[in-house]
C-alpha atoms as a PDB file:
ATOM      1  CA  MET A   1       6.655 168.102 -24.239  1.00  0.00           C
ATOM      2  CA  ALA A   2       4.491 165.127 -25.189  1.00  0.00           C
ATOM      3  CA  THR A   3       1.351 164.369 -23.236  1.00  0.00           C
ATOM      4  CA  HIS A   4       2.646 160.853 -22.465  1.00  0.00           C
ATOM      5  CA  ASP A   5       5.182 162.484 -20.120  1.00  0.00           C
ATOM      6  CA  VAL A   6       2.294 163.560 -17.910  1.00  0.00           C
ATOM      7  CA  SER A   7       1.386 161.791 -14.696  1.00  0.00           C
ATOM      8  CA  ILE A   8      -2.100 162.217 -13.187  1.00  0.00           C
ATOM      9  CA  ARG A   9      -2.471 161.361  -9.508  1.00  0.00           C
ATOM     10  CA  GLY A  10      -4.564 162.115  -6.473  1.00  0.00           C
ATOM     11  CA  ILE A  11      -3.578 164.987  -4.237  1.00  0.00           C
ATOM     12  CA  GLN A  12      -1.188 164.159  -1.416  1.00  0.00           C
ATOM     13  CA  GLN A  13       0.123 165.802   1.696  1.00  0.00           C
ATOM     14  CA  GLY A  14       2.843 168.208   0.609  1.00  0.00           C
ATOM     15  CA  ASP A  15       0.921 169.380  -2.483  1.00  0.00           C
ATOM     16  CA  GLU A  16      -0.716 172.248  -0.603  1.00  0.00           C
ATOM     17  CA  LYS A  17       1.749 175.005  -1.499  1.00  0.00           C
ATOM     18  CA  LYS A  18       1.711 174.398  -5.265  1.00  0.00           C
ATOM     19  CA  LEU A  19      -2.056 173.863  -5.276  1.00  0.00           C
ATOM     20  CA  LEU A  20      -2.505 177.110  -3.369  1.00  0.00           C
ATOM     21  CA  GLU A  21      -0.356 178.972  -5.926  1.00  0.00           C
ATOM     22  CA  MET A  22      -2.438 177.529  -8.764  1.00  0.00           C
ATOM     23  CA  MET A  23      -5.715 178.432  -7.056  1.00  0.00           C
ATOM     24  CA  TYR A  24      -4.495 182.034  -6.649  1.00  0.00           C
ATOM     25  CA  ALA A  25      -3.452 182.056 -10.318  1.00  0.00           C
ATOM     26  CA  LEU A  26      -6.868 180.698 -11.335  1.00  0.00           C
ATOM     27  CA  GLN A  27      -8.669 183.403  -9.365  1.00  0.00           C
ATOM     28  CA  SER A  28      -6.464 186.108 -10.893  1.00  0.00           C
ATOM     29  CA  HIS A  29      -7.126 184.711 -14.369  1.00  0.00           C
ATOM     30  CA  LEU A  30     -10.889 184.741 -13.746  1.00  0.00           C
ATOM     31  CA  GLU A  31     -10.818 188.318 -12.465  1.00  0.00           C
ATOM     32  CA  ARG A  32      -8.901 189.399 -15.585  1.00  0.00           C
ATOM     33  CA  SER A  33     -11.311 187.481 -17.834  1.00  0.00           C
ATOM     34  CA  ASN A  34     -14.371 189.244 -16.489  1.00  0.00           C
ATOM     35  CA  PRO A  35     -14.098 192.324 -14.253  1.00  0.00           C
ATOM     36  CA  ARG A  36     -17.727 191.799 -13.165  1.00  0.00           C
ATOM     37  CA  ILE A  37     -17.069 188.627 -11.180  1.00  0.00           C
ATOM     38  CA  TRP A  38     -16.683 188.735  -7.438  1.00  0.00           C
ATOM     39  CA  ARG A  39     -13.213 189.788  -6.316  1.00  0.00           C
ATOM     40  CA  ILE A  40     -11.408 187.741  -3.729  1.00  0.00           C
ATOM     41  CA  THR A  41     -10.508 189.490  -0.483  1.00  0.00           C
ATOM     42  CA  ASP A  42      -7.501 188.944   1.754  1.00  0.00           C
ATOM     43  CA  GLU A  43      -9.760 186.837   3.985  1.00  0.00           C
ATOM     44  CA  GLY A  44     -10.821 184.827   0.935  1.00  0.00           C
ATOM     45  CA  ARG A  45      -7.176 184.187   0.088  1.00  0.00           C
ATOM     46  CA  ARG A  46      -6.608 182.918   3.617  1.00  0.00           C
ATOM     47  CA  GLN A  47      -9.636 180.627   3.297  1.00  0.00           C
ATOM     48  CA  ILE A  48      -8.334 179.079   0.085  1.00  0.00           C
ATOM     49  CA  LEU A  49      -5.664 177.295   2.116  1.00  0.00           C
ATOM     50  CA  GLU A  50      -8.364 175.733   4.290  1.00  0.00           C
ATOM     51  CA  GLN A  51     -10.252 174.724   1.140  1.00  0.00           C
ATOM     52  CA  VAL A  52      -7.111 173.043  -0.150  1.00  0.00           C
ATOM     53  CA  LYS A  53      -6.604 171.163   3.104  1.00  0.00           C
ATOM     54  CA  GLY A  54     -10.287 170.193   3.129  1.00  0.00           C
ATOM     55  CA  ALA A  55     -10.064 168.955  -0.441  1.00  0.00           C
ATOM     56  CA  ILE A  56      -7.259 166.607   0.534  1.00  0.00           C
ATOM     57  CA  ARG A  57      -9.580 165.034   3.139  1.00  0.00           C
ATOM     58  CA  SER A  58     -12.732 165.341   1.010  1.00  0.00           C
ATOM     59  CA  ASP A  59     -14.941 162.645  -0.447  1.00  0.00           C
ATOM     60  CA  GLY A  60     -14.634 164.442  -3.786  1.00  0.00           C
ATOM     61  CA  LYS A  61     -11.787 163.960  -6.197  1.00  0.00           C
ATOM     62  CA  LEU A  62      -8.809 166.290  -6.407  1.00  0.00           C
ATOM     63  CA  LEU A  63      -6.206 165.380  -8.978  1.00  0.00           C
ATOM     64  CA  VAL A  64      -2.914 166.938  -9.999  1.00  0.00           C
ATOM     65  CA  ALA A  65      -1.030 166.697 -13.280  1.00  0.00           C
ATOM     66  CA  GLU A  66       2.736 166.417 -13.098  1.00  0.00           C
ATOM     67  CA  ILE A  67       5.526 166.541 -15.633  1.00  0.00           C
ATOM     68  CA  GLY A  68       8.864 165.311 -14.376  1.00  0.00           C
ATOM     69  CA  GLY A  69       7.676 165.596 -10.770  1.00  0.00           C
ATOM     70  CA  LYS A  70       6.572 169.225 -11.245  1.00  0.00           C
ATOM     71  CA  THR A  71       2.882 169.979 -10.665  1.00  0.00           C
ATOM     72  CA  VAL A  72       1.489 171.786 -13.715  1.00  0.00           C
ATOM     73  CA  GLY A  73      -2.284 171.598 -13.213  1.00  0.00           C
ATOM     74  CA  PHE A  74      -5.157 170.302 -11.149  1.00  0.00           C
ATOM     75  CA  ALA A  75      -8.799 169.280 -11.362  1.00  0.00           C
ATOM     76  CA  ALA A  76     -11.409 169.055  -8.613  1.00  0.00           C
ATOM     77  CA  ALA A  77     -14.763 167.291  -8.833  1.00  0.00           C
ATOM     78  CA  ARG A  78     -17.561 165.919  -6.694  1.00  0.00           C
ATOM     79  CA  VAL A  79     -20.627 163.726  -7.066  1.00  0.00           C
ATOM     80  CA  SER A  80     -24.099 164.681  -5.898  1.00  0.00           C
ATOM     81  CA  LYS A  81     -26.854 162.115  -5.390  1.00  0.00           C
ATOM     82  CA  ARG A  82     -30.423 163.275  -5.009  1.00  0.00           C
ATOM     83  CA  ALA A  83     -33.925 161.858  -5.175  1.00  0.00           C
ATOM     84  CA  ASP A  84     -35.827 165.078  -5.922  1.00  0.00           C
ATOM     85  CA  PHE A  85     -34.608 165.579  -9.533  1.00  0.00           C
ATOM     86  CA  LYS A  86     -33.556 163.551 -12.525  1.00  0.00           C
ATOM     87  CA  PRO A  87     -30.806 162.868 -13.250  1.00  0.00           C
ATOM     88  CA  ALA A  88     -30.337 161.533  -9.754  1.00  0.00           C
ATOM     89  CA  THR A  89     -26.544 161.306  -9.818  1.00  0.00           C
ATOM     90  CA  VAL A  90     -24.690 164.332 -11.122  1.00  0.00           C
ATOM     91  CA  GLY A  91     -20.975 164.936 -11.394  1.00  0.00           C
ATOM     92  CA  PHE A  92     -19.732 168.459 -10.838  1.00  0.00           C
ATOM     93  CA  ILE A  93     -16.390 169.575 -12.208  1.00  0.00           C
ATOM     94  CA  GLU A  94     -15.508 172.228  -9.652  1.00  0.00           C
ATOM     95  CA  ARG A  95     -12.231 173.555 -11.027  1.00  0.00           C
ATOM     96  CA  VAL A  96      -9.672 172.757 -13.663  1.00  0.00           C
ATOM     97  CA  PHE A  97      -6.497 174.787 -13.964  1.00  0.00           C
ATOM     98  CA  MET A  98      -3.337 174.449 -16.024  1.00  0.00           C
ATOM     99  CA  CYS A  99      -0.234 176.557 -15.566  1.00  0.00           C
ATOM    100  CA  GLU A 100      -0.045 178.883 -18.547  1.00  0.00           C
ATOM    101  CA  GLU A 101       3.110 177.409 -20.055  1.00  0.00           C
ATOM    102  CA  HIS A 102       1.483 173.945 -20.166  1.00  0.00           C
ATOM    103  CA  ARG A 103      -1.842 174.880 -21.771  1.00  0.00           C
ATOM    104  CA  ARG A 104      -2.993 173.554 -25.153  1.00  0.00           C
ATOM    105  CA  ARG A 105      -1.042 170.314 -24.788  1.00  0.00           C
ATOM    106  CA  GLY A 106      -3.912 167.971 -23.909  1.00  0.00           C
ATOM    107  CA  ILE A 107      -3.071 167.820 -20.218  1.00  0.00           C
ATOM    108  CA  ALA A 108      -6.372 169.350 -19.060  1.00  0.00           C
ATOM    109  CA  THR A 109      -8.166 166.783 -21.215  1.00  0.00           C
ATOM    110  CA  GLN A 110      -6.219 164.045 -19.436  1.00  0.00           C
ATOM    111  CA  LEU A 111      -7.293 165.495 -16.086  1.00  0.00           C
ATOM    112  CA  VAL A 112     -10.926 165.583 -17.214  1.00  0.00           C
ATOM    113  CA  HIS A 113     -10.627 161.991 -18.454  1.00  0.00           C
ATOM    114  CA  ALA A 114      -9.415 160.920 -15.004  1.00  0.00           C
ATOM    115  CA  ILE A 115     -12.346 162.805 -13.452  1.00  0.00           C
ATOM    116  CA  CYS A 116     -14.654 160.904 -15.831  1.00  0.00           C
ATOM    117  CA  ASP A 117     -13.260 157.628 -14.459  1.00  0.00           C
ATOM    118  CA  TYR A 118     -14.241 158.821 -10.971  1.00  0.00           C
ATOM    119  CA  PHE A 119     -17.693 159.776 -12.270  1.00  0.00           C
ATOM    120  CA  THR A 120     -18.119 156.365 -13.929  1.00  0.00           C
ATOM    121  CA  GLU A 121     -17.226 154.587 -10.676  1.00  0.00           C
ATOM    122  CA  ASN A 122     -19.962 156.610  -8.938  1.00  0.00           C
ATOM    123  CA  GLY A 123     -22.738 156.086 -11.510  1.00  0.00           C
ATOM    124  CA  VAL A 124     -22.857 159.697 -12.696  1.00  0.00           C
ATOM    125  CA  GLU A 125     -25.574 160.323 -15.272  1.00  0.00           C
ATOM    126  CA  GLU A 126     -24.782 163.941 -16.155  1.00  0.00           C
ATOM    127  CA  VAL A 127     -21.775 166.230 -15.754  1.00  0.00           C
ATOM    128  CA  ASN A 128     -22.105 169.920 -14.872  1.00  0.00           C
ATOM    129  CA  LEU A 129     -19.689 172.784 -14.406  1.00  0.00           C
ATOM    130  CA  GLN A 130     -19.547 176.544 -14.277  1.00  0.00           C
ATOM    131  CA  TYR A 131     -17.114 178.853 -15.982  1.00  0.00           C
ATOM    132  CA  VAL A 132     -16.747 182.601 -16.070  1.00  0.00           C
ATOM    133  CA  ARG A 133     -18.178 184.341 -19.112  1.00  0.00           C
ATOM    134  CA  GLY A 134     -15.295 186.057 -20.876  1.00  0.00           C
ATOM    135  CA  ASN A 135     -12.820 183.312 -19.961  1.00  0.00           C
ATOM    136  CA  ARG A 136     -12.101 182.472 -23.583  1.00  0.00           C
ATOM    137  CA  GLU A 137      -9.893 179.509 -22.715  1.00  0.00           C
ATOM    138  CA  ALA A 138     -12.638 177.898 -20.639  1.00  0.00           C
ATOM    139  CA  GLU A 139     -15.367 178.700 -23.166  1.00  0.00           C
ATOM    140  CA  GLY A 140     -13.364 177.063 -25.963  1.00  0.00           C
ATOM    141  CA  PHE A 141     -12.156 174.107 -23.914  1.00  0.00           C
ATOM    142  CA  TRP A 142     -15.517 173.148 -22.433  1.00  0.00           C
ATOM    143  CA  GLY A 143     -17.326 173.809 -25.707  1.00  0.00           C
ATOM    144  CA  SER A 144     -14.912 171.447 -27.494  1.00  0.00           C
ATOM    145  CA  LEU A 145     -15.872 168.740 -24.980  1.00  0.00           C
ATOM    146  CA  GLY A 146     -19.592 169.178 -25.707  1.00  0.00           C
ATOM    147  CA  PHE A 147     -20.666 171.412 -22.838  1.00  0.00           C
ATOM    148  CA  THR A 148     -23.381 173.920 -23.677  1.00  0.00           C
ATOM    149  CA  PRO A 149     -24.705 176.656 -21.385  1.00  0.00           C
ATOM    150  CA  VAL A 150     -27.960 175.745 -19.666  1.00  0.00           C
ATOM    151  CA  LEU A 151     -28.339 178.316 -16.905  1.00  0.00           C
ATOM    152  CA  GLU A 152     -27.311 181.972 -17.024  1.00  0.00           C
ATOM    153  CA  THR A 153     -26.229 183.890 -13.923  1.00  0.00           C
ATOM    154  CA  ALA A 154     -26.612 187.656 -14.166  1.00  0.00           C
ATOM    155  CA  SER A 155     -25.698 190.427 -11.750  1.00  0.00           C
ATOM    156  CA  THR A 156     -26.149 194.132 -11.133  1.00  0.00           C
ATOM    157  CA  ASP A 157     -25.534 196.444  -8.214  1.00  0.00           C
ATOM    158  CA  LEU A 158     -28.450 197.297  -5.907  1.00  0.00           C
ATOM    159  CA  ASP A 159     -28.343 201.055  -6.566  1.00  0.00           C
ATOM    160  CA  GLY A 160     -28.532 200.504 -10.323  1.00  0.00           C
ATOM    161  CA  LEU A 161     -31.417 198.077  -9.925  1.00  0.00           C
ATOM    162  CA  LEU A 162     -33.357 200.487  -7.721  1.00  0.00           C
ATOM    163  CA  TYR A 163     -32.720 203.304 -10.195  1.00  0.00           C
ATOM    164  CA  LYS A 164     -34.063 201.177 -13.067  1.00  0.00           C
ATOM    165  CA  ILE A 165     -37.103 200.120 -11.049  1.00  0.00           C
ATOM    166  CA  HIS A 166     -37.802 203.710 -10.068  1.00  0.00           C
ATOM    167  CA  SER A 167     -37.334 204.939 -13.658  1.00  0.00           C
ATOM    168  CA  GLU A 168     -39.640 202.229 -15.017  1.00  0.00           C
ATOM    169  CA  TYR A 169     -42.262 203.092 -12.408  1.00  0.00           C
ATOM    170  CA  VAL A 170     -42.067 206.837 -13.122  1.00  0.00           C
ATOM    171  CA  PHE A 171     -42.282 206.355 -16.912  1.00  0.00           C
ATOM    172  CA  SER A 172     -45.097 203.814 -16.661  1.00  0.00           C
ATOM    173  CA  CYS A 173     -47.234 206.367 -14.818  1.00  0.00           C
ATOM    174  CA  PHE A 174     -47.334 208.676 -17.886  1.00  0.00           C
END
């Protein structure tokens, strides 16, 4: 299917169910990409619906991509203005998701382009996002658009950290 068959529009009432399905699919994809990321709980799944409803009313931008009236992807973004750092106006791409059968067709790029229009309207100076390490699709996609990692997030469990600290302390005493 050609990318000109794609329609990009703002989220509307009635989109909640499909958006919810895609958000669940995104979370599952992330958990498969990297088993170290936080796992969503049943309560978290319930809260996603509230996030979807909030996004519809939000000052941010939530867009969906459709082909023939069928929703195939979405993108969410927001703008942050601040006086304590430069750049002062930063655009954050919160989430981008494409249904698997519609990936690698340029549709996500169209969604990001529409987000860029929103950023331009709001005077954004820099665009930031986060993606899960090990999510090869995201790493390739965002890298192809010029994004480079700036900040690394690392994790460990508390017991392992305490063991390492204790071991270091014991060995440093010799």
